[in-house]
Amino acid sequence: MSGRRERRGSKASSEDEMIINDLILKLQAILPDQSHSSCTTTRVPASKVLKEACKYIKRLHREADDLSERLSQLLASMDATNGIDADILRSLLKQ
C-alpha cells in the first residue's frame, strides 16, 4: 500500500511541476524583456523569470504613479483656467 501512495505522490508532484513550468513559460512570454527573444520556450530558471516579473510590475507601478501625478497637475491647471473642461475630463475618467 505504501508503494501506491508514493507513486500517487510522485505523479501529483510531476503534474504540479508541469503546471508550474507551463505557467512560468507563459509568464516569460508576456514579459517585455523576455518576449522579444527568438524562442520563448528557451529554458530559463523560474527564479529569473519571477524576478523579472517583479521588476516589471514595480516599473508599471512607478509609471502609473507618474501618470497619476501628471494627470493631477493637469487637472489642477485646468481648474485654474477653466473649471468646465476639468469637470468634463474627470467625468470621462470615471467611466
PDB file of N, CA and C in Angstrom:
ATOM      1  N   MET A   1       0.805  -1.201   0.000  1.00  0.00           N
ATOM      2  CA  MET A   1       0.000   0.000   0.000  1.00  0.00           C
ATOM      3  C   MET A   1       0.845   1.260   0.000  1.00  0.00           C
ATOM      4  N   SER A   2       1.929   1.236   0.763  1.00  0.00           N
ATOM      5  CA  SER A   2       2.749   2.443   0.800  1.00  0.00           C
ATOM      6  C   SER A   2       3.354   2.731  -0.566  1.00  0.00           C
ATOM      7  N   GLY A   3       3.600   1.684  -1.386  1.00  0.00           N
ATOM      8  CA  GLY A   3       4.103   1.884  -2.734  1.00  0.00           C
ATOM      9  C   GLY A   3       3.108   2.656  -3.594  1.00  0.00           C
ATOM     10  N   ARG A   4       1.828   2.370  -3.411  1.00  0.00           N
ATOM     11  CA  ARG A   4       0.792   3.099  -4.155  1.00  0.00           C
ATOM     12  C   ARG A   4       0.780   4.574  -3.784  1.00  0.00           C
ATOM     13  N   ARG A   5       0.883   4.862  -2.509  1.00  0.00           N
ATOM     14  CA  ARG A   5       0.886   6.253  -2.059  1.00  0.00           C
ATOM     15  C   ARG A   5       2.078   7.005  -2.633  1.00  0.00           C
ATOM     16  N   GLU A   6       3.239   6.350  -2.622  1.00  0.00           N
ATOM     17  CA  GLU A   6       4.438   7.004  -3.146  1.00  0.00           C
ATOM     18  C   GLU A   6       4.275   7.311  -4.621  1.00  0.00           C
ATOM     19  N   ARG A   7       3.737   6.352  -5.374  1.00  0.00           N
ATOM     20  CA  ARG A   7       3.553   6.589  -6.807  1.00  0.00           C
ATOM     21  C   ARG A   7       2.554   7.711  -7.055  1.00  0.00           C
ATOM     22  N   ARG A   8       1.467   7.718  -6.306  1.00  0.00           N
ATOM     23  CA  ARG A   8       0.487   8.784  -6.455  1.00  0.00           C
ATOM     24  C   ARG A   8       1.098  10.131  -6.109  1.00  0.00           C
ATOM     25  N   GLY A   9       1.885  10.157  -5.055  1.00  0.00           N
ATOM     26  CA  GLY A   9       2.542  11.395  -4.644  1.00  0.00           C
ATOM     27  C   GLY A   9       3.503  11.895  -5.702  1.00  0.00           C
ATOM     28  N   SER A  10       4.285  10.997  -6.290  1.00  0.00           N
ATOM     29  CA  SER A  10       5.230  11.432  -7.319  1.00  0.00           C
ATOM     30  C   SER A  10       4.499  11.839  -8.595  1.00  0.00           C
ATOM     31  N   LYS A  11       3.385  11.186  -8.893  1.00  0.00           N
ATOM     32  CA  LYS A  11       2.601  11.558 -10.067  1.00  0.00           C
ATOM     33  C   LYS A  11       2.017  12.953  -9.885  1.00  0.00           C
ATOM     34  N   ALA A  12       1.467  13.214  -8.703  1.00  0.00           N
ATOM     35  CA  ALA A  12       0.924  14.546  -8.420  1.00  0.00           C
ATOM     36  C   ALA A  12       2.028  15.580  -8.467  1.00  0.00           C
ATOM     37  N   SER A  13       3.181  15.208  -7.943  1.00  0.00           N
ATOM     38  CA  SER A  13       4.309  16.131  -7.936  1.00  0.00           C
ATOM     39  C   SER A  13       4.741  16.475  -9.361  1.00  0.00           C
ATOM     40  N   SER A  14       4.827  15.471 -10.231  1.00  0.00           N
ATOM     41  CA  SER A  14       5.242  15.748 -11.609  1.00  0.00           C
ATOM     42  C   SER A  14       4.158  16.547 -12.351  1.00  0.00           C
ATOM     43  N   GLU A  15       2.894  16.304 -12.048  1.00  0.00           N
ATOM     44  CA  GLU A  15       1.819  17.094 -12.656  1.00  0.00           C
ATOM     45  C   GLU A  15       1.900  18.544 -12.193  1.00  0.00           C
ATOM     46  N   ASP A  16       2.167  18.728 -10.903  1.00  0.00           N
ATOM     47  CA  ASP A  16       2.326  20.078 -10.363  1.00  0.00           C
ATOM     48  C   ASP A  16       3.505  20.786 -11.025  1.00  0.00           C
ATOM     49  N   GLU A  17       4.610  20.064 -11.187  1.00  0.00           N
ATOM     50  CA  GLU A  17       5.786  20.645 -11.848  1.00  0.00           C
ATOM     51  C   GLU A  17       5.468  21.052 -13.277  1.00  0.00           C
ATOM     52  N   MET A  18       4.713  20.214 -13.985  1.00  0.00           N
ATOM     53  CA  MET A  18       4.355  20.541 -15.369  1.00  0.00           C
ATOM     54  C   MET A  18       3.494  21.799 -15.415  1.00  0.00           C
ATOM     55  N   ILE A  19       2.574  21.916 -14.484  1.00  0.00           N
ATOM     56  CA  ILE A  19       1.708  23.099 -14.437  1.00  0.00           C
ATOM     57  C   ILE A  19       2.534  24.342 -14.141  1.00  0.00           C
ATOM     58  N   ILE A  20       3.412  24.231 -13.155  1.00  0.00           N
ATOM     59  CA  ILE A  20       4.265  25.376 -12.794  1.00  0.00           C
ATOM     60  C   ILE A  20       5.162  25.756 -13.959  1.00  0.00           C
ATOM     61  N   ASN A  21       5.778  24.778 -14.609  1.00  0.00           N
ATOM     62  CA  ASN A  21       6.636  25.068 -15.758  1.00  0.00           C
ATOM     63  C   ASN A  21       5.863  25.746 -16.883  1.00  0.00           C
ATOM     64  N   ASP A  22       4.637  25.287 -17.111  1.00  0.00           N
ATOM     65  CA  ASP A  22       3.798  25.896 -18.144  1.00  0.00           C
ATOM     66  C   ASP A  22       3.478  27.351 -17.794  1.00  0.00           C
ATOM     67  N   LEU A  23       3.152  27.588 -16.524  1.00  0.00           N
ATOM     68  CA  LEU A  23       2.850  28.962 -16.094  1.00  0.00           C
ATOM     69  C   LEU A  23       4.083  29.864 -16.195  1.00  0.00           C
ATOM     70  N   ILE A  24       5.245  29.336 -15.852  1.00  0.00           N
ATOM     71  CA  ILE A  24       6.485  30.114 -15.958  1.00  0.00           C
ATOM     72  C   ILE A  24       6.754  30.460 -17.413  1.00  0.00           C
ATOM     73  N   LEU A  25       6.558  29.511 -18.323  1.00  0.00           N
ATOM     74  CA  LEU A  25       6.759  29.789 -19.752  1.00  0.00           C
ATOM     75  C   LEU A  25       5.790  30.855 -20.256  1.00  0.00           C
ATOM     76  N   LYS A  26       4.542  30.788 -19.798  1.00  0.00           N
ATOM     77  CA  LYS A  26       3.555  31.794 -20.199  1.00  0.00           C
ATOM     78  C   LYS A  26       3.928  33.165 -19.652  1.00  0.00           C
ATOM     79  N   LEU A  27       4.386  33.195 -18.416  1.00  0.00           N
ATOM     80  CA  LEU A  27       4.819  34.460 -17.813  1.00  0.00           C
ATOM     81  C   LEU A  27       6.021  35.012 -18.566  1.00  0.00           C
ATOM     82  N   GLN A  28       6.963  34.143 -18.891  1.00  0.00           N
ATOM     83  CA  GLN A  28       8.147  34.562 -19.631  1.00  0.00           C
ATOM     84  C   GLN A  28       7.748  35.164 -20.988  1.00  0.00           C
ATOM     85  N   ALA A  29       6.746  34.590 -21.612  1.00  0.00           N
ATOM     86  CA  ALA A  29       6.328  35.058 -22.943  1.00  0.00           C
ATOM     87  C   ALA A  29       5.708  36.451 -22.898  1.00  0.00           C
ATOM     88  N   ILE A  30       5.089  36.839 -21.780  1.00  0.00           N
ATOM     89  CA  ILE A  30       4.438  38.152 -21.739  1.00  0.00           C
ATOM     90  C   ILE A  30       5.322  39.244 -21.168  1.00  0.00           C
ATOM     91  N   LEU A  31       6.476  38.868 -20.615  1.00  0.00           N
ATOM     92  CA  LEU A  31       7.399  39.888 -20.120  1.00  0.00           C
ATOM     93  C   LEU A  31       8.073  40.569 -21.297  1.00  0.00           C
ATOM     94  N   PRO A  32       8.111  41.891 -21.316  1.00  0.00           N
ATOM     95  CA  PRO A  32       8.649  42.591 -22.483  1.00  0.00           C
ATOM     96  C   PRO A  32      10.116  42.279 -22.752  1.00  0.00           C
ATOM     97  N   ASP A  33      10.926  42.127 -21.741  1.00  0.00           N
ATOM     98  CA  ASP A  33      12.340  41.851 -21.952  1.00  0.00           C
ATOM     99  C   ASP A  33      12.579  40.422 -22.402  1.00  0.00           C
ATOM    100  N   GLN A  34      11.649  39.546 -22.129  1.00  0.00           N
ATOM    101  CA  GLN A  34      11.795  38.132 -22.470  1.00  0.00           C
ATOM    102  C   GLN A  34      11.110  37.786 -23.789  1.00  0.00           C
ATOM    103  N   SER A  35      10.031  38.479 -24.129  1.00  0.00           N
ATOM    104  CA  SER A  35       9.215  38.077 -25.273  1.00  0.00           C
ATOM    105  C   SER A  35       9.854  38.382 -26.611  1.00  0.00           C
ATOM    106  N   HIS A  36      10.828  39.300 -26.656  1.00  0.00           N
ATOM    107  CA  HIS A  36      11.438  39.629 -27.938  1.00  0.00           C
ATOM    108  C   HIS A  36      12.506  38.635 -28.357  1.00  0.00           C
ATOM    109  N   SER A  37      12.852  37.696 -27.481  1.00  0.00           N
ATOM    110  CA  SER A  37      13.839  36.694 -27.867  1.00  0.00           C
ATOM    111  C   SER A  37      13.243  35.797 -28.938  1.00  0.00           C
ATOM    112  N   SER A  38      14.104  35.204 -29.740  1.00  0.00           N
ATOM    113  CA  SER A  38      13.632  34.436 -30.889  1.00  0.00           C
ATOM    114  C   SER A  38      12.843  33.198 -30.486  1.00  0.00           C
ATOM    115  N   CYS A  39      13.135  32.663 -29.313  1.00  0.00           N
ATOM    116  CA  CYS A  39      12.439  31.454 -28.881  1.00  0.00           C
ATOM    117  C   CYS A  39      12.038  31.600 -27.423  1.00  0.00           C
ATOM    118  N   THR A  40      10.759  31.732 -27.177  1.00  0.00           N
ATOM    119  CA  THR A  40      10.300  31.929 -25.796  1.00  0.00           C
ATOM    120  C   THR A  40      10.225  30.623 -25.030  1.00  0.00           C
ATOM    121  N   THR A  41      10.502  29.492 -25.700  1.00  0.00           N
ATOM    122  CA  THR A  41      10.498  28.222 -24.990  1.00  0.00           C
ATOM    123  C   THR A  41      11.887  27.876 -24.473  1.00  0.00           C
ATOM    124  N   THR A  42      12.854  28.772 -24.627  1.00  0.00           N
ATOM    125  CA  THR A  42      14.179  28.550 -24.083  1.00  0.00           C
ATOM    126  C   THR A  42      14.080  28.405 -22.579  1.00  0.00           C
ATOM    127  N   ARG A  43      14.766  27.434 -22.062  1.00  0.00           N
ATOM    128  CA  ARG A  43      14.690  27.151 -20.624  1.00  0.00           C
ATOM    129  C   ARG A  43      15.434  28.229 -19.833  1.00  0.00           C
ATOM    130  N   VAL A  44      14.700  28.959 -19.058  1.00  0.00           N
ATOM    131  CA  VAL A  44      15.245  29.987 -18.182  1.00  0.00           C
ATOM    132  C   VAL A  44      14.835  29.609 -16.768  1.00  0.00           C
ATOM    133  N   PRO A  45      15.732  29.752 -15.805  1.00  0.00           N
ATOM    134  CA  PRO A  45      15.345  29.395 -14.437  1.00  0.00           C
ATOM    135  C   PRO A  45      14.102  30.166 -13.986  1.00  0.00           C
ATOM    136  N   ALA A  46      13.221  29.459 -13.298  1.00  0.00           N
ATOM    137  CA  ALA A  46      11.976  30.068 -12.828  1.00  0.00           C
ATOM    138  C   ALA A  46      12.261  31.262 -11.941  1.00  0.00           C
ATOM    139  N   SER A  47      13.313  31.186 -11.153  1.00  0.00           N
ATOM    140  CA  SER A  47      13.636  32.299 -10.255  1.00  0.00           C
ATOM    141  C   SER A  47      13.946  33.568 -11.052  1.00  0.00           C
ATOM    142  N   LYS A  48      14.621  33.413 -12.182  1.00  0.00           N
ATOM    143  CA  LYS A  48      14.943  34.580 -13.009  1.00  0.00           C
ATOM    144  C   LYS A  48      13.672  35.175 -13.618  1.00  0.00           C
ATOM    145  N   VAL A  49      12.779  34.319 -14.111  1.00  0.00           N
ATOM    146  CA  VAL A  49      11.522  34.792 -14.691  1.00  0.00           C
ATOM    147  C   VAL A  49      10.701  35.523 -13.634  1.00  0.00           C
ATOM    148  N   LEU A  50      10.628  34.962 -12.421  1.00  0.00           N
ATOM    149  CA  LEU A  50       9.859  35.595 -11.357  1.00  0.00           C
ATOM    150  C   LEU A  50      10.473  36.921 -10.925  1.00  0.00           C
ATOM    151  N   LYS A  51      11.806  36.996 -10.869  1.00  0.00           N
ATOM    152  CA  LYS A  51      12.471  38.266 -10.537  1.00  0.00           C
ATOM    153  C   LYS A  51      12.181  39.318 -11.601  1.00  0.00           C
ATOM    154  N   GLU A  52      12.241  38.920 -12.872  1.00  0.00           N
ATOM    155  CA  GLU A  52      11.943  39.855 -13.961  1.00  0.00           C
ATOM    156  C   GLU A  52      10.491  40.317 -13.896  1.00  0.00           C
ATOM    157  N   ALA A  53       9.582  39.412 -13.561  1.00  0.00           N
ATOM    158  CA  ALA A  53       8.169  39.777 -13.440  1.00  0.00           C
ATOM    159  C   ALA A  53       7.980  40.795 -12.323  1.00  0.00           C
ATOM    160  N   CYS A  54       8.667  40.589 -11.203  1.00  0.00           N
ATOM    161  CA  CYS A  54       8.569  41.539 -10.083  1.00  0.00           C
ATOM    162  C   CYS A  54       9.107  42.907 -10.485  1.00  0.00           C
ATOM    163  N   LYS A  55      10.242  42.928 -11.180  1.00  0.00           N
ATOM    164  CA  LYS A  55      10.810  44.201 -11.649  1.00  0.00           C
ATOM    165  C   LYS A  55       9.842  44.908 -12.580  1.00  0.00           C
ATOM    166  N   TYR A  56       9.227  44.145 -13.482  1.00  0.00           N
ATOM    167  CA  TYR A  56       8.297  44.713 -14.448  1.00  0.00           C
ATOM    168  C   TYR A  56       7.063  45.287 -13.753  1.00  0.00           C
ATOM    169  N   ILE A  57       6.539  44.567 -12.781  1.00  0.00           N
ATOM    170  CA  ILE A  57       5.363  45.043 -12.034  1.00  0.00           C
ATOM    171  C   ILE A  57       5.704  46.317 -11.278  1.00  0.00           C
ATOM    172  N   LYS A  58       6.878  46.359 -10.659  1.00  0.00           N
ATOM    173  CA  LYS A  58       7.304  47.568  -9.950  1.00  0.00           C
ATOM    174  C   LYS A  58       7.436  48.744 -10.916  1.00  0.00           C
ATOM    175  N   ARG A  59       7.990  48.480 -12.100  1.00  0.00           N
ATOM    176  CA  ARG A  59       8.118  49.541 -13.103  1.00  0.00           C
ATOM    177  C   ARG A  59       6.740  50.048 -13.536  1.00  0.00           C
ATOM    178  N   LEU A  60       5.798  49.140 -13.730  1.00  0.00           N
ATOM    179  CA  LEU A  60       4.439  49.540 -14.101  1.00  0.00           C
ATOM    180  C   LEU A  60       3.794  50.382 -13.010  1.00  0.00           C
ATOM    181  N   HIS A  61       4.028  50.022 -11.750  1.00  0.00           N
ATOM    182  CA  HIS A  61       3.503  50.815 -10.631  1.00  0.00           C
ATOM    183  C   HIS A  61       4.088  52.226 -10.644  1.00  0.00           C
ATOM    184  N   ARG A  62       5.391  52.327 -10.868  1.00  0.00           N
ATOM    185  CA  ARG A  62       6.025  53.657 -10.928  1.00  0.00           C
ATOM    186  C   ARG A  62       5.457  54.481 -12.072  1.00  0.00           C
ATOM    187  N   GLU A  63       5.283  53.848 -13.231  1.00  0.00           N
ATOM    188  CA  GLU A  63       4.719  54.553 -14.383  1.00  0.00           C
ATOM    189  C   GLU A  63       3.289  55.005 -14.097  1.00  0.00           C
ATOM    190  N   ALA A  64       2.499  54.163 -13.462  1.00  0.00           N
ATOM    191  CA  ALA A  64       1.115  54.533 -13.120  1.00  0.00           C
ATOM    192  C   ALA A  64       1.110  55.691 -12.134  1.00  0.00           C
ATOM    193  N   ASP A  65       2.007  55.654 -11.154  1.00  0.00           N
ATOM    194  CA  ASP A  65       2.107  56.760 -10.189  1.00  0.00           C
ATOM    195  C   ASP A  65       2.496  58.060 -10.886  1.00  0.00           C
ATOM    196  N   ASP A  66       3.461  57.970 -11.796  1.00  0.00           N
ATOM    197  CA  ASP A  66       3.893  59.163 -12.541  1.00  0.00           C
ATOM    198  C   ASP A  66       2.751  59.730 -13.380  1.00  0.00           C
ATOM    199  N   LEU A  67       2.042  58.851 -14.061  1.00  0.00           N
ATOM    200  CA  LEU A  67       0.916  59.312 -14.880  1.00  0.00           C
ATOM    201  C   LEU A  67      -0.186  59.919 -14.024  1.00  0.00           C
ATOM    202  N   SER A  68      -0.430  59.327 -12.874  1.00  0.00           N
ATOM    203  CA  SER A  68      -1.431  59.865 -11.966  1.00  0.00           C
ATOM    204  C   SER A  68      -1.045  61.267 -11.495  1.00  0.00           C
ATOM    205  N   GLU A  69       0.225  61.431 -11.164  1.00  0.00           N
ATOM    206  CA  GLU A  69       0.710  62.743 -10.731  1.00  0.00           C
ATOM    207  C   GLU A  69       0.581  63.768 -11.864  1.00  0.00           C
ATOM    208  N   ARG A  70       0.956  63.375 -13.070  1.00  0.00           N
ATOM    209  CA  ARG A  70       0.840  64.293 -14.207  1.00  0.00           C
ATOM    210  C   ARG A  70      -0.611  64.665 -14.472  1.00  0.00           C
ATOM    211  N   LEU A  71      -1.506  63.692 -14.342  1.00  0.00           N
ATOM    212  CA  LEU A  71      -2.927  63.957 -14.543  1.00  0.00           C
ATOM    213  C   LEU A  71      -3.454  64.906 -13.476  1.00  0.00           C
ATOM    214  N   SER A  72      -3.036  64.704 -12.238  1.00  0.00           N
ATOM    215  CA  SER A  72      -3.448  65.600 -11.147  1.00  0.00           C
ATOM    216  C   SER A  72      -2.998  67.028 -11.419  1.00  0.00           C
ATOM    217  N   GLN A  73      -1.771  67.172 -11.883  1.00  0.00           N
ATOM    218  CA  GLN A  73      -1.249  68.504 -12.213  1.00  0.00           C
ATOM    219  C   GLN A  73      -2.032  69.126 -13.362  1.00  0.00           C
ATOM    220  N   LEU A  74      -2.359  68.322 -14.354  1.00  0.00           N
ATOM    221  CA  LEU A  74      -3.127  68.822 -15.496  1.00  0.00           C
ATOM    222  C   LEU A  74      -4.512  69.270 -15.051  1.00  0.00           C
ATOM    223  N   LEU A  75      -5.165  68.467 -14.224  1.00  0.00           N
ATOM    224  CA  LEU A  75      -6.494  68.835 -13.742  1.00  0.00           C
ATOM    225  C   LEU A  75      -6.443  70.095 -12.888  1.00  0.00           C
ATOM    226  N   ALA A  76      -5.397  70.224 -12.080  1.00  0.00           N
ATOM    227  CA  ALA A  76      -5.261  71.421 -11.251  1.00  0.00           C
ATOM    228  C   ALA A  76      -5.078  72.657 -12.120  1.00  0.00           C
ATOM    229  N   SER A  77      -4.294  72.538 -13.170  1.00  0.00           N
ATOM    230  CA  SER A  77      -4.098  73.695 -14.046  1.00  0.00           C
ATOM    231  C   SER A  77      -5.362  74.003 -14.839  1.00  0.00           C
ATOM    232  N   MET A  78      -6.127  72.958 -15.187  1.00  0.00           N
ATOM    233  CA  MET A  78      -7.386  73.185 -15.903  1.00  0.00           C
ATOM    234  C   MET A  78      -8.403  73.842 -14.985  1.00  0.00           C
ATOM    235  N   ASP A  79      -8.409  73.452 -13.705  1.00  0.00           N
ATOM    236  CA  ASP A  79      -9.317  74.072 -12.732  1.00  0.00           C
ATOM    237  C   ASP A  79      -9.035  75.562 -12.628  1.00  0.00           C
ATOM    238  N   ALA A  80      -7.764  75.912 -12.656  1.00  0.00           N
ATOM    239  CA  ALA A  80      -7.373  77.312 -12.514  1.00  0.00           C
ATOM    240  C   ALA A  80      -7.788  78.136 -13.729  1.00  0.00           C
ATOM    241  N   THR A  81      -7.765  77.516 -14.909  1.00  0.00           N
ATOM    242  CA  THR A  81      -8.081  78.271 -16.124  1.00  0.00           C
ATOM    243  C   THR A  81      -9.537  78.139 -16.541  1.00  0.00           C
ATOM    244  N   ASN A  82     -10.065  76.920 -16.494  1.00  0.00           N
ATOM    245  CA  ASN A  82     -11.430  76.708 -16.967  1.00  0.00           C
ATOM    246  C   ASN A  82     -11.990  75.460 -16.294  1.00  0.00           C
ATOM    247  N   GLY A  83     -12.725  75.628 -15.242  1.00  0.00           N
ATOM    248  CA  GLY A  83     -13.260  74.529 -14.450  1.00  0.00           C
ATOM    249  C   GLY A  83     -14.144  73.581 -15.222  1.00  0.00           C
ATOM    250  N   ILE A  84     -14.811  74.032 -16.263  1.00  0.00           N
ATOM    251  CA  ILE A  84     -15.729  73.185 -17.033  1.00  0.00           C
ATOM    252  C   ILE A  84     -14.959  72.069 -17.727  1.00  0.00           C
ATOM    253  N   ASP A  85     -13.827  72.404 -18.354  1.00  0.00           N
ATOM    254  CA  ASP A  85     -13.031  71.387 -19.040  1.00  0.00           C
ATOM    255  C   ASP A  85     -12.526  70.328 -18.061  1.00  0.00           C
ATOM    256  N   ALA A  86     -12.104  70.748 -16.891  1.00  0.00           N
ATOM    257  CA  ALA A  86     -11.624  69.809 -15.880  1.00  0.00           C
ATOM    258  C   ALA A  86     -12.753  68.889 -15.433  1.00  0.00           C
ATOM    259  N   ASP A  87     -13.961  69.424 -15.275  1.00  0.00           N
ATOM    260  CA  ASP A  87     -15.102  68.604 -14.879  1.00  0.00           C
ATOM    261  C   ASP A  87     -15.439  67.573 -15.948  1.00  0.00           C
ATOM    262  N   ILE A  88     -15.366  67.992 -17.214  1.00  0.00           N
ATOM    263  CA  ILE A  88     -15.635  67.058 -18.322  1.00  0.00           C
ATOM    264  C   ILE A  88     -14.607  65.941 -18.317  1.00  0.00           C
ATOM    265  N   LEU A  89     -13.326  66.300 -18.165  1.00  0.00           N
ATOM    266  CA  LEU A  89     -12.265  65.307 -18.145  1.00  0.00           C
ATOM    267  C   LEU A  89     -12.435  64.349 -16.964  1.00  0.00           C
ATOM    268  N   ARG A  90     -12.769  64.850 -15.812  1.00  0.00           N
ATOM    269  CA  ARG A  90     -12.989  64.000 -14.641  1.00  0.00           C
ATOM    270  C   ARG A  90     -14.137  63.007 -14.883  1.00  0.00           C
ATOM    271  N   SER A  91     -15.218  63.497 -15.494  1.00  0.00           N
ATOM    272  CA  SER A  91     -16.362  62.613 -15.743  1.00  0.00           C
ATOM    273  C   SER A  91     -15.988  61.527 -16.767  1.00  0.00           C
ATOM    274  N   LEU A  92     -15.165  61.866 -17.744  1.00  0.00           N
ATOM    275  CA  LEU A  92     -14.712  60.868 -18.717  1.00  0.00           C
ATOM    276  C   LEU A  92     -13.815  59.816 -18.059  1.00  0.00           C
ATOM    277  N   LEU A  93     -12.977  60.253 -17.143  1.00  0.00           N
ATOM    278  CA  LEU A  93     -12.069  59.327 -16.467  1.00  0.00           C
ATOM    279  C   LEU A  93     -12.797  58.374 -15.542  1.00  0.00           C
ATOM    280  N   LYS A  94     -13.936  58.772 -15.008  1.00  0.00           N
ATOM    281  CA  LYS A  94     -14.697  57.929 -14.090  1.00  0.00           C
ATOM    282  C   LYS A  94     -15.427  56.806 -14.818  1.00  0.00           C
ATOM    283  N   GLN A  95     -15.614  56.935 -16.103  1.00  0.00           N
ATOM    284  CA  GLN A  95     -16.372  55.924 -16.869  1.00  0.00           C
ATOM    285  C   GLN A  95     -15.630  54.660 -17.038  1.00  0.00           C
TER     286      GLN A  95
END
